[in-house]
Protein backbone atom coordinates (compact mmCIF):
# COMPACT_ATOMS: atom_id res chain seq x y z
CA MET A 1 0.00 0.00 0.00
CA MET A 2 3.02 2.29 0.47
CA PHE A 3 3.68 2.21 -3.27
CA VAL A 4 0.29 3.81 -4.02
CA SER A 5 0.11 7.62 -3.85
CA VAL A 6 -2.13 9.40 -1.38
CA LYS A 7 -4.06 10.99 -4.22
CA VAL A 8 -4.79 7.58 -5.74
CA ARG A 9 -5.75 6.18 -2.35
CA LEU A 10 -8.15 9.05 -1.71
CA ILE A 11 -9.65 8.61 -5.17
CA LEU A 12 -10.01 4.88 -4.61
CA LEU A 13 -11.45 5.52 -1.14
CA PHE A 14 -14.30 7.50 -2.63
CA ALA A 15 -14.54 5.95 -6.10
CA VAL A 16 -14.72 2.26 -5.12
CA PRO A 17 -17.73 2.66 -2.77
CA LEU A 18 -19.45 4.83 -5.34
CA LEU A 19 -18.86 2.25 -8.06
CA LEU A 20 -20.06 -0.52 -5.77
CA PHE A 21 -23.16 1.46 -4.82
CA ALA A 22 -23.80 2.20 -8.50
CA GLY A 23 -23.34 -1.48 -9.40
CA THR A 24 -25.67 -2.53 -6.60
CA ALA A 25 -28.28 -0.01 -7.71
CA VAL A 26 -28.06 -1.17 -11.32
CA TYR A 27 -28.30 -4.80 -10.22
CA LEU A 28 -31.34 -4.05 -8.05
CA LEU A 29 -33.02 -2.13 -10.85
CA GLN A 30 -32.40 -4.97 -13.29
CA LEU A 31 -33.67 -7.49 -10.75
CA ILE A 32 -36.77 -5.43 -10.07
CA GLY A 33 -37.34 -5.09 -13.82
CA SER A 34 -36.87 -8.83 -14.28
CA ASN A 35 -39.30 -9.63 -11.45
CA THR A 36 -41.77 -7.12 -12.83
CA ASN A 37 -41.55 -8.65 -16.29
CA ARG A 38 -41.86 -12.09 -14.76
CA LEU A 39 -44.92 -11.07 -12.76
CA SER A 40 -46.38 -9.47 -15.86
CA ASP A 41 -45.81 -12.57 -17.96
CA THR A 42 -46.98 -14.95 -15.22
CA LEU A 43 -49.91 -13.14 -13.71
CA TYR A 44 -51.20 -11.18 -16.68
CA GLU A 45 -50.16 -12.87 -19.89
CA THR A 46 -50.67 -16.37 -18.56
CA ALA A 47 -52.85 -16.57 -15.46
CA TYR A 48 -55.03 -13.48 -15.81
CA ARG A 49 -55.84 -13.70 -19.51
CA SER A 50 -56.43 -17.45 -19.48
CA THR A 51 -58.51 -17.22 -16.28
CA VAL A 52 -60.61 -14.40 -17.75
CA SER A 53 -61.21 -16.45 -20.88
CA VAL A 54 -62.20 -19.53 -18.84
CA LEU A 55 -64.44 -17.61 -16.42
CA GLY A 56 -66.11 -15.91 -19.35
CA SER A 57 -66.66 -19.34 -20.87
CA ASP A 58 -68.25 -20.55 -17.63
CA ARG A 59 -70.68 -17.63 -17.69
CA ASP A 60 -71.44 -18.17 -21.37
CA MET A 61 -71.98 -21.91 -20.74
CA GLN A 62 -74.61 -21.07 -18.13
CA GLN A 63 -76.32 -18.67 -20.54
CA ALA A 64 -76.14 -21.25 -23.36
CA LEU A 65 -77.83 -23.81 -21.07
CA SER A 66 -80.49 -21.24 -20.18
CA ASP A 67 -81.16 -20.56 -23.89
CA TYR A 68 -81.39 -24.30 -24.55
CA LEU A 69 -83.92 -24.84 -21.78
CA GLN A 70 -86.04 -21.89 -22.91
CA ILE A 71 -86.12 -23.13 -26.48
CA ARG A 72 -86.86 -26.67 -25.34
CA TYR A 73 -89.53 -26.10 -22.67
CA ALA A 74 -90.79 -22.49 -22.67
CA ASN A 75 -92.89 -22.62 -25.87
CA LEU A 76 -91.60 -19.23 -27.03
CA PRO A 77 -93.08 -17.32 -29.94
CA ALA A 78 -91.42 -17.98 -33.29
CA GLU A 79 -89.48 -14.71 -33.43
CA GLU A 80 -88.29 -14.93 -29.84
CA GLU A 81 -87.40 -18.60 -30.30
CA LYS A 82 -85.38 -17.71 -33.39
CA ALA A 83 -83.52 -14.94 -31.50
CA THR A 84 -82.86 -17.25 -28.54
CA LEU A 85 -81.52 -19.95 -30.88
CA ALA A 86 -79.18 -17.43 -32.52
CA ASP A 87 -77.96 -16.31 -29.09
CA TYR A 88 -77.45 -19.96 -28.10
CA ARG A 89 -75.34 -20.68 -31.16
CA SER A 90 -73.33 -17.45 -30.62
CA LYS A 91 -72.63 -18.42 -27.01
CA VAL A 92 -71.44 -21.89 -28.04
CA LYS A 93 -69.13 -20.40 -30.64
CA THR A 94 -67.77 -17.85 -28.13
CA ILE A 95 -67.15 -20.59 -25.53
CA ASN A 96 -65.20 -22.75 -27.98
CA ALA A 97 -63.11 -19.74 -29.12
CA ALA A 98 -62.34 -18.65 -25.51
CA ILE A 99 -61.28 -22.17 -24.47
CA ALA A 100 -59.11 -22.46 -27.60
CA ASP A 101 -57.47 -19.09 -26.80
CA ALA A 102 -56.78 -20.15 -23.20
CA MET A 103 -55.26 -23.42 -24.43
CA ASP A 104 -53.11 -21.53 -26.94
CA ILE A 105 -51.77 -19.33 -24.09
CA MET A 106 -50.90 -22.44 -22.12
CA LYS A 107 -49.04 -23.97 -25.06
CA ARG A 108 -47.09 -20.78 -25.81
CA ASN A 109 -45.87 -20.65 -22.21
CA GLY A 110 -45.29 -24.41 -21.91
CA LEU A 111 -47.95 -24.82 -19.20
CA GLU A 112 -50.12 -27.50 -20.79
CA ASN A 113 -48.65 -30.07 -18.34
CA LEU A 114 -49.61 -28.19 -15.16
CA ALA A 115 -51.49 -30.59 -12.85
CA HIS A 116 -54.46 -30.08 -10.51
CA PRO A 117 -53.29 -30.08 -6.84
CA GLN A 118 -55.93 -32.66 -5.75
CA THR A 119 -56.82 -34.75 -8.80
CA GLY A 120 -53.43 -34.62 -10.53
CA GLN A 121 -55.03 -34.02 -13.92
CA THR A 122 -53.02 -31.87 -16.34
CA ILE A 123 -54.40 -28.96 -18.30
CA SER A 124 -54.24 -31.02 -21.49
CA GLU A 125 -56.33 -33.77 -19.88
CA ILE A 126 -58.80 -31.24 -18.51
CA MET A 127 -59.17 -29.71 -21.99
CA VAL A 128 -59.83 -33.23 -23.39
CA ASN A 129 -62.56 -33.69 -20.74
CA PHE A 130 -63.99 -30.32 -21.76
CA GLN A 131 -64.07 -31.42 -25.38
CA ASN A 132 -65.74 -34.70 -24.40
CA GLY A 133 -68.21 -32.84 -22.21
CA PHE A 134 -69.28 -29.44 -23.52
CA ARG A 135 -68.68 -29.98 -27.20
CA VAL A 136 -70.57 -33.26 -27.17
CA TRP A 137 -73.39 -31.54 -25.25
CA SER A 138 -73.51 -28.60 -27.71
CA GLN A 139 -73.59 -30.93 -30.71
CA GLN A 140 -76.28 -33.23 -29.26
CA ALA A 141 -78.26 -30.27 -27.93
CA SER A 142 -78.33 -28.75 -31.43
CA VAL A 143 -79.69 -32.07 -32.74
CA THR A 144 -82.36 -32.44 -30.02
CA LEU A 145 -83.58 -28.90 -30.64
CA GLN A 146 -84.68 -30.10 -34.05
CA GLN A 147 -86.72 -32.91 -32.43
CA GLU A 148 -90.13 -32.35 -30.93
CA LYS A 149 -89.74 -34.87 -28.09
CA ILE A 150 -86.85 -36.36 -26.15
CA ASN A 151 -86.90 -39.03 -23.48
CA PRO A 152 -85.68 -38.26 -19.93
CA GLU A 153 -82.67 -40.58 -20.21
CA GLN A 154 -81.29 -38.58 -23.16
CA GLU A 155 -81.92 -35.31 -21.32
CA SER A 156 -80.07 -36.61 -18.24
CA ALA A 157 -77.15 -37.74 -20.41
CA LEU A 158 -76.99 -34.28 -22.01
CA LEU A 159 -76.96 -32.56 -18.61
CA ALA A 160 -74.18 -34.93 -17.48
CA LYS A 161 -72.06 -33.92 -20.48
CA PHE A 162 -72.73 -30.26 -19.71
CA ARG A 163 -71.66 -30.71 -16.06
CA GLN A 164 -68.52 -32.54 -17.23
CA GLY A 165 -67.54 -29.57 -19.42
CA ARG A 166 -68.31 -27.05 -16.69
CA ASP A 167 -66.37 -29.04 -14.08
CA SER A 168 -63.38 -29.04 -16.47
CA VAL A 169 -63.60 -25.23 -16.66
CA GLY A 170 -63.63 -24.99 -12.84
CA ALA A 171 -60.63 -27.33 -12.57
CA PHE A 172 -58.76 -25.19 -15.08
CA GLY A 173 -59.40 -22.06 -12.97
CA GLU A 174 -58.16 -23.85 -9.80
CA ILE A 175 -54.93 -24.89 -11.61
CA MET A 176 -54.25 -21.32 -12.76
CA THR A 177 -54.90 -19.96 -9.26
CA LYS A 178 -52.41 -22.43 -7.80
CA TYR A 179 -49.90 -21.58 -10.55
CA ALA A 180 -50.12 -17.83 -9.80
CA GLU A 181 -49.63 -18.47 -6.06
CA ASP A 182 -46.58 -20.68 -6.73
CA GLU A 183 -44.96 -18.14 -9.07
CA THR A 184 -45.57 -15.32 -6.60
CA GLY A 185 -43.91 -17.36 -3.85
CA VAL A 186 -40.86 -18.06 -6.04
CA ILE A 187 -40.46 -14.38 -6.86
CA ARG A 188 -40.82 -13.47 -3.17
CA LYS A 189 -38.06 -15.95 -2.26
CA ASP A 190 -35.80 -14.56 -5.01
CA THR A 191 -36.41 -11.05 -3.72
CA GLN A 192 -35.54 -12.04 -0.13
CA SER A 193 -32.36 -13.77 -1.32
CA THR A 194 -31.36 -10.71 -3.31
CA SER A 195 -32.01 -8.40 -0.35
CA THR A 196 -29.79 -10.56 1.86
CA THR A 197 -27.00 -10.49 -0.74
CA VAL A 198 -27.27 -6.71 -1.08
CA TYR A 199 -27.14 -6.18 2.69
CA ILE A 200 -24.07 -8.40 2.98
CA SER A 201 -22.39 -6.51 0.11
CA LEU A 202 -23.15 -3.15 1.74
CA ILE A 203 -21.70 -4.31 5.06
CA ALA A 204 -18.55 -5.55 3.30
CA ILE A 205 -18.22 -2.26 1.43
CA TRP A 206 -18.52 -0.26 4.64
CA ILE A 207 -15.95 -2.44 6.36
CA VAL A 208 -13.47 -1.91 3.51
CA PHE A 209 -14.26 1.80 3.39
CA ILE A 210 -13.81 2.31 7.16
CA GLY A 211 -10.61 0.21 7.25
CA SER A 212 -9.01 2.08 4.34
CA GLY A 213 -9.99 5.45 5.81
CA ALA A 214 -8.60 4.52 9.25
CA PHE A 215 -5.29 3.37 7.74
CA LEU A 216 -4.97 6.55 5.67
CA ILE A 217 -5.79 8.76 8.68
CA LEU A 218 -3.17 7.00 10.84
CA THR A 219 -0.55 7.47 8.11
CA LEU A 220 -1.43 11.16 7.77
CA ASN A 221 -1.30 11.71 11.55
CA ARG A 222 2.12 10.04 11.78
CA THR A 223 3.57 12.16 8.97
CA ILE A 224 2.05 15.39 10.31
CA GLY A 225 3.41 14.63 13.81
CA ASN A 226 6.96 14.14 12.46
CA VAL A 227 6.80 17.36 10.43
CA LEU A 228 5.34 19.34 13.36
CA ARG A 229 8.04 18.10 15.78
CA LYS A 230 10.87 19.00 13.40
CA THR A 231 9.51 22.45 12.49
CA ARG A 232 9.07 23.33 16.19
CA SER A 233 12.67 22.31 16.88
CA VAL A 234 13.89 24.43 13.95
CA ALA A 235 11.88 27.38 15.26
CA ALA A 236 13.65 26.91 18.62
CA GLY A 237 17.08 27.02 16.88
CA ASN A 238 17.90 23.32 16.92
CA LEU A 239 19.14 22.15 13.49
CA ALA A 240 20.81 18.96 14.72
CA PHE A 241 18.51 16.43 13.05
CA ALA A 242 19.57 13.24 11.35
CA PRO A 243 17.52 12.38 8.23
CA LEU A 244 15.44 9.20 8.14
CA ASP A 245 16.99 6.06 6.68
CA LYS A 246 13.99 5.26 4.48
CA TYR A 247 11.09 7.29 3.10
CA GLY A 248 7.78 6.24 1.76
CA ARG A 249 7.19 6.51 -1.98
CA ASP A 250 3.89 8.33 -1.68
CA GLU A 251 3.25 12.02 -1.06
CA LEU A 252 3.58 11.61 2.72
CA GLY A 253 7.06 10.10 2.32
CA GLN A 254 7.93 12.96 -0.02
CA ILE A 255 6.80 15.44 2.66
CA ASP A 256 9.14 13.81 5.25
CA GLN A 257 12.00 13.84 2.75
CA SER A 258 11.32 17.48 1.81
CA VAL A 259 11.28 18.59 5.48
CA ASP A 260 14.60 16.83 6.18
CA GLY A 261 16.08 18.40 3.04
CA MET A 262 14.80 21.83 4.09
CA ILE A 263 16.43 21.49 7.53
CA ALA A 264 19.71 20.45 5.87
CA GLN A 265 19.53 23.46 3.56
CA ILE A 266 18.81 25.81 6.50
CA ARG A 267 21.77 24.34 8.39
CA GLY A 268 24.08 24.87 5.39
CA LEU A 269 22.69 28.37 4.91
CA ALA A 270 23.36 29.30 8.55
CA GLU A 271 26.96 28.07 8.29
CA SER A 272 27.46 30.01 5.05
CA ILE A 273 25.95 33.18 6.56
CA SER A 274 28.26 32.93 9.56
CA SER A 275 31.40 32.61 7.41
CA HIS A 276 30.35 35.38 5.01
CA ALA A 277 29.44 37.69 7.88
CA ARG A 278 33.05 37.69 9.03
CA VAL A 279 34.24 38.55 5.52
CA VAL A 280 31.68 41.36 5.21
CA GLU A 281 32.75 42.84 8.56
CA SER A 282 36.37 43.11 7.35
CA SER A 283 35.31 44.60 4.00
CA SER A 284 33.05 47.18 5.63
CA GLN A 285 35.92 48.56 7.67
CA THR A 286 38.04 49.00 4.51
CA LEU A 287 35.06 50.59 2.72
CA ALA A 288 34.56 53.16 5.48
CA ALA A 289 38.20 54.34 5.20
CA GLY A 290 37.97 54.65 1.37
CA ALA A 291 34.69 56.58 1.62
CA ALA A 292 36.28 59.20 3.87
CA GLU A 293 39.13 59.85 1.38
CA SER A 294 36.67 60.02 -1.56
CA ALA A 295 34.55 62.63 0.24
CA LYS A 296 37.59 64.90 0.68
CA ALA A 297 38.52 64.74 -3.03
CA THR A 298 34.94 65.37 -4.07
CA HIS A 299 34.82 68.69 -2.12
CA GLU A 300 37.72 70.04 -4.22
CA THR A 301 36.12 68.88 -7.51
CA VAL A 302 32.85 70.66 -6.70
CA ALA A 303 34.67 74.01 -6.24
CA HIS A 304 36.39 73.81 -9.70
CA ILE A 305 33.19 72.79 -11.45
CA GLY A 306 31.41 75.90 -10.10
CA GLU A 307 33.86 78.22 -11.92
CA VAL A 308 33.51 76.32 -15.22
CA ARG A 309 29.70 76.47 -14.97
CA THR A 310 29.73 80.32 -14.63
CA GLN A 311 31.86 80.80 -17.79
CA THR A 312 29.76 78.35 -19.78
CA GLU A 313 26.54 80.19 -18.90
CA VAL A 314 27.94 83.52 -20.22
CA GLN A 315 28.99 81.87 -23.50
CA SER A 316 25.58 80.27 -23.88
CA ALA A 317 23.77 83.64 -23.44
CA ILE A 318 25.88 85.29 -26.21
CA ALA A 319 25.28 82.39 -28.59
CA GLU A 320 21.53 82.53 -27.97
CA GLU A 321 21.32 86.29 -28.82
CA THR A 322 23.27 85.78 -32.06
CA SER A 323 21.11 82.79 -32.98
CA ARG A 324 17.88 84.81 -32.46
CA ALA A 325 19.11 87.61 -34.79
CA ILE A 326 20.06 85.18 -37.52
CA GLU A 327 16.76 83.34 -37.12
CA GLU A 328 14.84 86.60 -37.67
CA MET A 329 16.85 87.31 -40.83
CA ALA A 330 16.33 83.74 -42.07
CA HIS A 331 12.62 84.06 -41.34
CA GLY A 332 12.38 87.23 -43.51
CA VAL A 333 14.29 85.63 -46.37
CA GLY A 334 12.09 82.56 -46.05
CA ARG A 335 8.94 84.67 -46.35
CA ILE A 336 10.36 86.33 -49.49
CA ALA A 337 11.17 82.88 -50.90
CA ASP A 338 7.66 81.69 -50.11
CA SER A 339 6.16 84.75 -51.83
CA MET A 340 8.36 84.23 -54.89
CA GLY A 341 7.40 80.57 -54.94
CA THR A 342 3.72 81.53 -54.82
CA ILE A 343 4.20 84.10 -57.61
CA SER A 344 6.10 81.52 -59.65
CA GLY A 345 3.28 79.05 -59.17
CA HIS A 346 0.68 81.64 -60.23
CA SER A 347 2.81 82.55 -63.27
CA SER A 348 3.01 78.90 -64.27
CA GLU A 349 -0.74 78.56 -63.84
CA ALA A 350 -1.31 81.75 -65.88
CA GLU A 351 0.97 80.39 -68.60
CA VAL A 352 -0.94 77.11 -68.69
CA ILE A 353 -4.30 78.94 -68.72
CA ALA A 354 -3.16 81.31 -71.52
CA GLU A 355 -1.89 78.39 -73.58
CA ARG A 356 -5.15 76.50 -73.00
CA SER A 357 -7.18 79.61 -73.97
CA ASN A 358 -5.09 80.06 -77.14
CA VAL A 359 -5.83 76.45 -78.10
CA LYS A 360 -9.54 77.04 -77.47
CA VAL A 361 -9.45 80.21 -79.63
CA ARG A 362 -7.89 78.22 -82.47
CA THR A 363 -10.54 75.56 -82.03
CA LEU A 364 -13.27 78.23 -82.02
CA ARG A 365 -11.87 79.77 -85.23
CA LEU A 366 -11.93 76.36 -86.91
CA GLN A 367 -15.51 75.83 -85.73
CA LEU A 368 -16.51 79.25 -87.15
CA GLU A 369 -14.95 78.31 -90.48
CA GLU A 370 -16.95 75.08 -90.46
CA ILE A 371 -20.12 77.01 -89.57
CA LEU A 372 -19.42 79.47 -92.42
CA ALA A 373 -19.02 76.59 -94.88
CA SER A 374 -22.25 75.03 -93.58
CA VAL A 375 -24.10 78.35 -93.97
CA ARG A 376 -22.89 78.65 -97.55
CA GLU A 377 -24.05 75.13 -98.33
CA LEU A 378 -27.38 75.87 -96.66
CA SER A 379 -27.76 79.04 -98.80
CA GLU A 380 -27.21 77.01 -101.92
CA ILE A 381 -29.80 74.47 -100.74
CA VAL A 382 -32.32 77.29 -100.12
CA GLU A 383 -31.79 78.57 -103.68
CA GLN A 384 -32.39 75.08 -104.98
CA LEU A 385 -35.59 74.84 -102.92
CA ARG A 386 -36.72 78.21 -104.35
CA ASP A 387 -36.28 76.88 -107.93
CA LYS A 388 -38.05 73.60 -107.13
CA SER A 389 -40.97 75.38 -105.45
CA GLY A 390 -41.37 77.51 -108.60
CA ARG A 391 -41.56 74.38 -110.70
CA ILE A 392 -44.10 72.88 -108.30
CA GLY A 393 -46.20 76.09 -108.70
CA THR A 394 -46.14 75.73 -112.49
CA ILE A 395 -47.27 72.11 -112.17
CA ALA A 396 -50.10 73.17 -109.84
CA ASP A 397 -51.24 75.80 -112.37
CA ASN A 398 -51.29 73.13 -115.06
CA ILE A 399 -53.38 70.89 -112.76
CA THR A 400 -55.82 73.79 -112.28
CA GLY A 401 -56.11 74.22 -116.05
CA PHE A 402 -56.64 70.52 -116.52
CA ALA A 403 -59.40 70.54 -113.90
CA ALA A 404 -61.16 73.52 -115.59
CA ARG A 405 -61.09 71.87 -118.97
CA THR A 406 -62.29 68.57 -117.43
CA ASN A 407 -65.20 70.46 -115.84
CA ILE A 408 -66.17 71.95 -119.22
CA LEU A 409 -65.95 68.52 -120.83
CA SER A 410 -68.17 67.00 -118.10
CA LEU A 411 -70.70 69.81 -118.65
CA ASN A 412 -70.78 69.13 -122.37
CA ALA A 413 -71.15 65.42 -121.67
CA SER A 414 -74.13 66.14 -119.39
CA ILE A 415 -75.77 68.18 -122.15
CA GLU A 416 -75.28 65.39 -124.67
CA ALA A 417 -76.61 62.83 -122.17
CA ALA A 418 -79.74 64.95 -121.66
CA ARG A 419 -80.29 65.03 -125.39
CA ALA A 420 -79.94 61.25 -125.59
CA GLY A 421 -82.74 60.72 -123.07
CA GLU A 422 -83.03 57.32 -121.44
CA HIS A 423 -80.09 55.96 -123.39
CA GLY A 424 -77.78 58.66 -122.10
CA ARG A 425 -78.69 58.35 -118.41
CA GLY A 426 -75.65 56.20 -117.53
CA PHE A 427 -73.39 58.51 -119.44
CA ALA A 428 -74.89 61.43 -117.47
CA VAL A 429 -73.95 59.70 -114.19
CA VAL A 430 -70.36 59.27 -115.40
CA ALA A 431 -70.27 62.91 -116.53
CA GLU A 432 -71.50 64.00 -113.09
CA GLU A 433 -68.76 61.98 -111.35
CA ILE A 434 -66.15 63.46 -113.70
CA ARG A 435 -67.45 66.95 -112.88
CA LYS A 436 -67.17 66.23 -109.14
CA LEU A 437 -63.63 64.90 -109.64
CA ALA A 438 -62.71 67.99 -111.65
CA ALA A 439 -64.13 70.24 -108.93
CA SER A 440 -62.18 68.33 -106.25
CA SER A 441 -58.99 68.49 -108.33
CA MET A 442 -59.44 72.23 -108.84
CA GLU A 443 -59.95 72.74 -105.09
CA SER A 444 -56.82 70.65 -104.31
CA ALA A 445 -54.87 72.63 -106.91
CA HIS A 446 -55.92 75.91 -105.22
CA VAL A 447 -54.75 74.50 -101.83
CA ILE A 448 -51.45 73.37 -103.37
CA ASN A 449 -50.96 76.85 -104.92
CA GLU A 450 -51.54 78.47 -101.53
CA LEU A 451 -49.06 76.08 -99.83
CA ILE A 452 -46.47 76.64 -102.57
CA GLU A 453 -46.90 80.39 -102.25
CA ASP A 454 -46.40 80.16 -98.44
CA THR A 455 -43.38 77.89 -98.99
CA GLN A 456 -41.87 80.32 -101.51
CA ASN A 457 -42.38 83.19 -99.08
CA GLY A 458 -40.70 81.15 -96.27
CA ILE A 459 -37.82 80.15 -98.56
CA ALA A 460 -37.33 83.78 -99.60
CA SER A 461 -37.25 84.85 -95.93
CA ALA A 462 -34.81 82.01 -95.12
CA ALA A 463 -32.61 83.09 -98.03
CA GLU A 464 -32.50 86.64 -96.70
CA HIS A 465 -31.61 85.39 -93.19
CA MET A 466 -28.97 83.02 -94.61
CA ASP A 467 -27.37 85.92 -96.50
CA ALA A 468 -27.29 87.98 -93.29
CA THR A 469 -25.91 85.01 -91.32
CA LEU A 470 -23.23 84.43 -93.97
CA ALA A 471 -22.13 88.06 -93.74
CA ARG A 472 -22.01 87.95 -89.94
CA SER A 473 -20.09 84.65 -89.95
CA GLU A 474 -17.49 86.16 -92.28
CA ASN A 475 -17.16 89.17 -89.92
CA GLY A 476 -16.86 86.78 -86.90
CA GLY A 477 -14.08 84.84 -88.67
CA ALA A 478 -12.10 88.02 -89.18
CA THR A 479 -12.62 88.97 -85.52
CA MET A 480 -11.46 85.51 -84.39
CA ASP A 481 -8.27 85.90 -86.44
CA GLU A 482 -7.52 89.12 -84.55
CA VAL A 483 -8.33 87.45 -81.17
CA GLU A 484 -6.02 84.53 -82.01
CA ARG A 485 -3.16 86.93 -82.79
CA ASP A 486 -3.78 88.83 -79.51
CA PHE A 487 -3.79 85.57 -77.47
CA SER A 488 -0.52 84.51 -79.07
CA GLU A 489 1.05 87.78 -77.91
CA ILE A 490 -0.38 87.25 -74.39
CA VAL A 491 1.07 83.72 -74.23
CA ARG A 492 4.53 84.96 -75.21
CA SER A 493 4.37 87.70 -72.56
CA VAL A 494 3.20 85.29 -69.85
CA LYS A 495 6.02 82.85 -70.67
CA GLN A 496 8.62 85.64 -70.35
CA VAL A 497 7.15 86.74 -66.99
CA ALA A 498 7.15 83.11 -65.75
CA MET A 499 10.81 82.65 -66.71
CA GLN A 500 11.82 85.86 -64.89
CA VAL A 501 9.79 84.91 -61.80
CA ALA A 502 11.36 81.41 -61.79
CA GLU A 503 14.86 82.92 -61.89
CA ALA A 504 14.00 85.31 -59.04
CA SER A 505 12.47 82.45 -57.03
CA ALA A 506 15.60 80.32 -57.49
CA VAL A 507 17.83 83.17 -56.28
CA THR A 508 15.53 83.75 -53.29
CA GLU A 509 15.57 80.04 -52.42
CA GLN A 510 19.38 80.05 -52.50
CA MET A 511 19.39 83.05 -50.14
CA SER A 512 16.87 81.32 -47.87
CA ALA A 513 18.93 78.13 -47.84
CA GLY A 514 22.08 80.08 -46.97
CA SER A 515 20.27 81.91 -44.17
CA GLU A 516 18.93 78.63 -42.84
CA GLU A 517 22.41 77.10 -42.88
CA VAL A 518 23.81 80.09 -40.97
CA ALA A 519 20.88 79.95 -38.53
CA ALA A 520 21.39 76.22 -38.12
CA SER A 521 25.09 76.73 -37.43
CA MET A 522 24.35 79.39 -34.82
CA GLU A 523 21.62 77.24 -33.35
CA GLN A 524 24.06 74.34 -33.15
CA ALA A 525 26.62 76.60 -31.48
CA SER A 526 23.99 77.87 -29.05
CA ARG A 527 22.79 74.31 -28.43
CA SER A 528 26.38 73.19 -27.85
CA ALA A 529 26.82 76.00 -25.35
CA ARG A 530 23.59 75.04 -23.63
CA ASP A 531 24.63 71.39 -23.69
CA ASN A 532 27.96 72.28 -22.17
CA ALA A 533 26.21 74.31 -19.50
CA GLY A 534 23.80 71.47 -18.90
CA LYS A 535 26.58 68.91 -18.78
CA THR A 536 28.50 71.16 -16.41
CA ASN A 537 25.44 71.30 -14.21
CA LEU A 538 25.14 67.53 -14.48
CA VAL A 539 28.79 67.13 -13.54
CA ALA A 540 28.27 69.49 -10.61
CA ALA A 541 25.17 67.58 -9.58
CA ALA A 542 27.06 64.31 -10.01
CA ALA A 543 29.86 65.65 -7.88
CA ASP A 544 27.34 66.68 -5.25
CA ARG A 545 25.73 63.25 -5.47
CA GLN A 546 29.13 61.61 -5.26
CA LEU A 547 29.90 63.66 -2.18
CA SER A 548 26.58 62.65 -0.67
CA LEU A 549 27.18 59.08 -1.78
CA SER A 550 30.59 59.03 -0.16
CA GLU A 551 29.05 60.23 3.06
CA GLU A 552 26.25 57.65 2.69
CA ILE A 553 28.82 54.91 1.99
CA ALA A 554 30.66 55.83 5.13
CA SER A 555 27.39 55.79 7.06
CA ALA A 556 26.37 52.51 5.38
CA ALA A 557 29.71 50.94 6.21
CA ALA A 558 29.12 51.79 9.85
CA SER A 559 25.56 50.42 9.67
CA LEU A 560 26.85 47.32 7.88
CA GLN A 561 29.22 46.63 10.73
CA GLN A 562 26.26 46.82 13.11
CA VAL A 563 24.18 44.50 10.86
CA VAL A 564 27.04 42.01 10.65
CA GLY A 565 27.25 42.00 14.39
CA SER A 566 23.50 41.40 14.71
CA LEU A 567 23.62 38.67 12.01
CA THR A 568 26.49 36.91 13.75
CA GLU A 569 24.56 37.03 17.00
CA ALA A 570 21.37 35.66 15.29
CA VAL A 571 23.21 32.82 13.56
CA GLY A 572 24.93 31.97 16.81
CA ARG A 573 21.56 30.97 18.28
CA PHE A 574 21.36 27.96 15.92
CA LYS A 575 23.00 24.67 16.90
CA TRP A 576 24.37 22.21 14.34
């Protein structure tokens, strides 16, 4: 058990009982389920269902006998006798089916060989008796119902067969009752046996659990007692402990081994502190003497540094004034350079804009030339339209003349048709239609003449406007030539101004760069002076700190001697 860790033992201490309890619970649940299924199969599937079928058969047998007696002796009306006979036959059929179902249940469960507790007859034999009794009675009773008379001996024999069948049904019920009681007793015995086994298992589990817990608690108490005794001795200053010869391999043994190792380390540490304390005491005395000499030299250094700091501050002030003057001059030159740069940029933009405008003027002149050519072509087209409209007017006049002559001809034809009488009536109709057509043509010709006249007037007006537009376009072209020449002069002037501004800007930028270099040099000189002053102050501060440090070192050396004395006294309390 010593080779198993405490953690594993604790886990086992709690896990094993839990597993055993879980196993026991599962076993009990399975057993209860098995018993329940067994009770269900035994008491319901077998005993209950078969008993219900048999008891129902017994009731139906009694009703079948009652129907038989009524039909045989009650002199019922025909309809009622017919209904009673049908009920009798239905009851017989139901009884046979119920007994067959009960027997089928017995065979499925292998219970056909169950015997009666008193007579010793099996279920199979009882069913044979039932067949020999009730079925014979039902068959013979059906035959006798067809007969008008029957002698008493036959009636007694029939009743004997009926009683034989009914007694078989009662014996079957007694067998099933005894079977249910026996199965219930077996299940009760199994349950008692299982309960005893479970109780014994629980007692064994508790014994193992309590024994393991007691052993683990004793081991823990022993280890804790050893550790407590050693730590109290160490607290009292006693380090003279011999380690154990053998340790356990679990966590408790590791605790014992760790405590012994800790005591050994403390003992070695105390010895080391004692030896080093003596060395530190000697070194602190030497350090105190060196600190006193360093403090004296530092006083002299501080005095010389004060003089250097004063001269450096004067030099820094002069350099700062010169640097400010040069910065102001550089700032002015820079502003001039910025202004020249801005002017140069504007000049470049003006040059670009002038060049772009000149290109647009050229483009506009070309467009005016194209417009002028288009106007000329349009003027020619208008002249052509004027000629064609004149021709159309001539054609319309001819159409008017043709219509007038056609009208005269139709009039003459009407006159000739009137002279012809009945024979010229059709010709008169044609002449009338020709006259109407001539009138319509003349009216259309007048409308065409009016439209042509309006068109000629519009074309004449358009020709006048086109002539005026052509003259104005020619004047605009001449004006655009003058504008193009003026823009060319403007572009040349802008380019010259841009070149001069660029040269002036370059010179100004050179001056600005030179001023910035001078300002930077003076700034660097001023910064160097300030840096020197700052470094001088730092050196002075460092010297002051060194002086203070020397004094602190001397004080610390004295304190260290006191600490070493206290440490030696504290270590001396331990025994090893």
